Amino acid sequence: MKIANPYTNQGTWLKGSFHNHTTNSDGWFPLETVYKMYGGYDFLGISDHDKITKHEGKREIPTVFEAIEVSSRQTHMLLVQPPHKIMEDYSNEFTIENRSAITIGIPI
C-alpha cells in the first residue's frame, strides 16, 4: 500500500482545530486564553463537553465555530455548528434514538 503525503498537493491549506475545551467543561483555560493560544490559526471550534460555549470576547482568529462534544461513558461524538435546539431536553446517554435525535437536531 502506498501512503501519499497530502501536504504535497497544491492548494490553500488552513490551520485550525475543532477539538478544544475551556473551563466551561474540563478544559484548563477560560475562553479568552484559548483564543490567545490559537491566535495564529485560521479557524477554531470550541467543543466543550455537553455544552455549546458561546463565542465572546476579543480574538484574532478569523473564523470560529460553535461545537459540542457529546460525551457519554460509552463514546464521544463531536458536532460542529450544531443547532441550539439540541440543548432542549439534552441528554448524552448513549442510545440509538438519542444519537439520531442529536445528530439531526431534533429534541427528544
Protein backbone atom coordinates (compact mmCIF):
# COMPACT_ATOMS: atom_id res chain seq x y z
CA MET A 1 0.00 0.00 0.00
CA LYS A 2 1.33 3.41 -0.93
CA ILE A 3 0.76 6.21 1.56
CA ALA A 4 0.70 9.64 -0.09
CA ASN A 5 1.59 12.82 1.75
CA PRO A 6 -1.47 15.11 1.32
CA TYR A 7 0.61 18.20 2.14
CA THR A 8 2.47 17.97 -1.16
CA ASN A 9 -0.73 18.84 -3.06
CA GLN A 10 -1.28 22.33 -4.43
CA GLY A 11 -3.98 24.47 -2.87
CA THR A 12 -4.80 26.60 0.11
CA TRP A 13 -4.09 24.99 3.45
CA LEU A 14 -5.80 26.29 6.58
CA LYS A 15 -4.59 25.75 10.11
CA GLY A 16 -7.27 25.00 12.67
CA SER A 17 -8.71 22.76 15.32
CA PHE A 18 -12.22 21.66 16.27
CA HIS A 19 -11.46 19.73 19.48
CA ASN A 20 -10.84 22.34 22.19
CA HIS A 21 -12.22 22.69 25.70
CA THR A 22 -12.48 25.63 28.06
CA THR A 23 -13.14 25.87 31.78
CA ASN A 24 -16.80 25.67 30.74
CA SER A 25 -16.26 21.88 30.85
CA ASP A 26 -13.00 20.07 31.62
CA GLY A 27 -10.53 22.47 29.97
CA TRP A 28 -7.74 24.16 31.87
CA PHE A 29 -8.18 27.68 30.44
CA PRO A 30 -11.00 30.19 30.00
CA LEU A 31 -12.24 31.04 26.51
CA GLU A 32 -10.18 34.21 26.02
CA THR A 33 -6.97 32.33 26.95
CA VAL A 34 -7.81 29.58 24.43
CA TYR A 35 -8.29 32.32 21.80
CA LYS A 36 -4.79 33.62 22.58
CA MET A 37 -3.26 30.13 22.49
CA TYR A 38 -4.59 29.57 18.97
CA GLY A 39 -4.17 33.17 17.79
CA GLY A 40 -2.32 32.24 14.60
CA TYR A 41 -4.93 29.71 13.48
CA ASP A 42 -7.34 30.27 10.59
CA PHE A 43 -10.28 28.63 12.36
CA LEU A 44 -11.16 27.28 15.78
CA GLY A 45 -14.00 25.26 17.21
CA ILE A 46 -14.74 25.22 20.92
CA SER A 47 -16.23 21.82 21.73
CA ASP A 48 -16.83 21.73 25.45
CA HIS A 49 -18.31 18.55 26.87
CA ASP A 50 -22.11 18.53 26.70
CA LYS A 51 -22.31 22.33 26.32
CA ILE A 52 -22.33 24.80 23.46
CA THR A 53 -19.99 27.60 24.51
CA LYS A 54 -20.94 30.99 23.15
CA HIS A 55 -18.08 32.79 21.40
CA GLU A 56 -17.47 36.02 23.26
CA GLY A 57 -14.57 38.33 23.89
CA LYS A 58 -11.60 39.52 21.89
CA ARG A 59 -9.99 37.16 19.40
CA GLU A 60 -7.70 37.33 16.38
CA ILE A 61 -8.88 34.03 14.86
CA PRO A 62 -10.87 34.96 11.74
CA THR A 63 -13.35 32.06 11.84
CA VAL A 64 -14.76 30.42 14.95
CA PHE A 65 -17.26 27.59 15.13
CA GLU A 66 -19.60 26.62 17.90
CA ALA A 67 -19.30 22.92 18.63
CA ILE A 68 -20.15 20.37 21.28
CA GLU A 69 -18.54 17.13 22.34
CA VAL A 70 -21.39 14.80 23.23
CA SER A 71 -19.83 12.69 25.96
CA SER A 72 -21.20 9.52 27.39
CA ARG A 73 -19.23 6.82 29.17
CA GLN A 74 -19.53 4.61 26.09
CA THR A 75 -18.50 7.02 23.34
CA HIS A 76 -17.90 10.65 22.39
CA MET A 77 -19.12 12.50 19.31
CA LEU A 78 -18.06 15.92 18.04
CA LEU A 79 -20.70 18.13 16.39
CA VAL A 80 -19.66 21.34 14.64
CA GLN A 81 -22.20 24.16 14.27
CA PRO A 82 -24.97 22.17 15.99
CA PRO A 83 -28.44 23.69 16.13
CA HIS A 84 -29.04 25.17 19.59
CA LYS A 85 -32.33 23.30 19.83
CA ILE A 86 -30.41 20.08 20.57
CA MET A 87 -29.86 21.52 24.05
CA GLU A 88 -33.60 21.29 24.77
CA ASP A 89 -34.03 18.19 26.93
CA TYR A 90 -30.38 17.35 26.18
CA SER A 91 -29.01 14.00 27.27
CA ASN A 92 -25.65 12.46 26.45
CA GLU A 93 -26.99 8.98 27.18
CA PHE A 94 -25.80 6.53 24.54
CA THR A 95 -28.83 5.12 22.76
CA ILE A 96 -29.51 4.86 19.04
CA GLU A 97 -32.61 7.04 19.40
CA ASN A 98 -30.74 9.73 21.32
CA ARG A 99 -27.79 9.76 18.90
CA SER A 100 -30.16 10.04 15.93
CA ALA A 101 -32.04 12.91 17.53
CA ILE A 102 -28.84 14.78 18.42
CA THR A 103 -27.23 14.40 15.01
CA ILE A 104 -30.29 15.64 13.14
CA GLY A 105 -31.06 18.25 15.77
CA ILE A 106 -34.49 17.09 16.91
CA PRO A 107 -35.13 17.36 20.64
CA ILE A 108 -36.16 14.08 22.20
